[in-house]
Protein backbone atom coordinates (compact mmCIF):
# COMPACT_ATOMS: atom_id res chain seq x y z
CA UNK A 1 0.00 0.00 0.00
CA UNK A 2 2.98 2.32 0.58
CA UNK A 3 3.96 2.30 -3.07
CA UNK A 4 0.48 3.27 -4.28
CA UNK A 5 0.05 6.33 -2.08
CA UNK A 6 2.33 8.72 -4.08
CA UNK A 7 0.69 7.55 -7.28
CA UNK A 8 -2.78 8.23 -5.91
CA UNK A 9 -1.76 11.68 -4.68
CA UNK A 10 -0.21 12.55 -8.06
CA UNK A 11 -3.33 11.32 -9.84
CA UNK A 12 -5.56 13.42 -7.60
CA UNK A 13 -3.44 16.52 -8.20
CA UNK A 14 -3.46 16.00 -11.96
CA UNK A 15 -7.20 15.49 -12.07
CA UNK A 16 -8.03 18.57 -10.00
CA UNK A 17 -5.49 21.02 -11.42
CA UNK A 18 -7.13 21.32 -14.83
CA UNK A 19 -10.53 22.06 -13.35
CA UNK A 20 -9.09 24.63 -10.95
CA UNK A 21 -7.18 26.57 -13.59
CA UNK A 22 -9.49 26.14 -16.57
CA UNK A 23 -11.32 29.43 -16.09
CA UNK A 24 -8.15 31.43 -15.45
CA UNK A 25 -6.40 30.02 -18.51
CA UNK A 26 -9.34 30.89 -20.75
CA UNK A 27 -9.49 34.45 -19.37
CA UNK A 28 -5.88 35.35 -20.17
CA UNK A 29 -5.31 36.42 -23.78
CA UNK A 30 -2.20 34.96 -25.37
CA UNK A 31 -1.02 33.10 -22.32
CA UNK A 32 2.65 33.32 -23.26
CA UNK A 33 3.59 36.00 -20.72
CA UNK A 34 4.01 33.43 -18.00
CA UNK A 35 6.18 31.24 -20.18
CA UNK A 36 8.38 34.21 -21.05
CA UNK A 37 8.69 35.25 -17.42
CA UNK A 38 9.52 31.70 -16.36
CA UNK A 39 12.15 31.32 -19.06
CA UNK A 40 13.69 34.67 -18.18
CA UNK A 41 13.95 33.76 -14.53
CA UNK A 42 15.22 30.26 -15.23
CA UNK A 43 17.92 31.44 -17.61
CA UNK A 44 18.96 34.20 -15.22
CA UNK A 45 19.26 31.74 -12.36
CA UNK A 46 21.21 29.33 -14.55
CA UNK A 47 23.60 32.03 -15.73
CA UNK A 48 24.00 33.46 -12.25
CA UNK A 49 24.87 30.12 -10.70
CA UNK A 50 27.30 29.37 -13.51
CA UNK A 51 28.99 32.76 -13.06
CA UNK A 52 29.16 32.48 -9.29
CA UNK A 53 30.55 28.97 -9.57
CA UNK A 54 33.29 30.12 -11.92
CA UNK A 55 34.11 33.08 -9.68
CA UNK A 56 34.30 30.86 -6.60
CA UNK A 57 36.46 28.34 -8.43
CA UNK A 58 38.87 31.07 -9.50
CA UNK A 59 38.97 32.52 -6.00
CA UNK A 60 39.70 29.20 -4.34
CA UNK A 61 42.31 28.27 -6.92
CA UNK A 62 44.11 31.56 -6.45
CA UNK A 63 43.98 31.32 -2.67
CA UNK A 64 45.26 27.77 -2.74
CA UNK A 65 48.22 28.85 -4.85
CA UNK A 66 48.97 31.99 -2.82
CA UNK A 67 47.37 31.95 0.66
CA UNK A 68 48.97 35.27 1.65
CA UNK A 69 46.90 37.10 -1.01
CA UNK A 70 43.56 35.87 0.35
CA UNK A 71 42.85 39.11 2.25
CA UNK A 72 43.46 41.24 -0.83
CA UNK A 73 41.39 39.05 -3.16
CA UNK A 74 38.49 38.40 -0.79
CA UNK A 75 36.95 41.89 -1.02
CA UNK A 76 36.88 41.94 -4.81
CA UNK A 77 35.52 38.38 -4.81
CA UNK A 78 32.53 39.34 -2.67
CA UNK A 79 31.90 42.50 -4.72
CA UNK A 80 31.92 40.36 -7.89
CA UNK A 81 29.46 37.91 -6.35
CA UNK A 82 27.19 40.81 -5.41
CA UNK A 83 27.24 42.10 -9.00
CA UNK A 84 26.41 38.66 -10.35
CA UNK A 85 23.56 38.29 -7.87
CA UNK A 86 22.25 41.76 -8.72
CA UNK A 87 21.89 40.70 -12.35
CA UNK A 88 19.76 37.76 -11.26
CA UNK A 89 17.62 40.07 -9.12
CA UNK A 90 17.17 42.43 -12.08
CA UNK A 91 16.06 39.49 -14.22
CA UNK A 92 13.58 38.54 -11.48
CA UNK A 93 12.20 42.09 -11.55
CA UNK A 94 11.87 41.99 -15.34
CA UNK A 95 10.16 38.60 -15.18
CA UNK A 96 7.76 40.01 -12.58
CA UNK A 97 7.04 43.00 -14.80
CA UNK A 98 6.46 40.71 -17.77
CA UNK A 99 3.97 38.73 -15.73
CA UNK A 100 2.14 41.88 -14.60
CA UNK A 101 2.28 43.59 -17.99
CA UNK A 102 -0.13 41.30 -19.80
């Protein structure tokens, strides 16, 4: 019986979600604003995580090669991470405006 419970819950969610959102989907003209906002946010998050990962990798590689320079590099590393994160926040704001602008 344990193995059937997630299947029954998923089936119940799938059967009720179309009825719950049928009226809202018919009321929105076009319907592609949400897809555009979702893609914008997803791509921004993907690019931001890739950029932050590369920045962190470079920081840790440079500190492992020259530990005495860690104090000098650390400030610029955190400023760079803040700039990368601000781009993701701007993309979130644009995605929110796209969603509201329909």
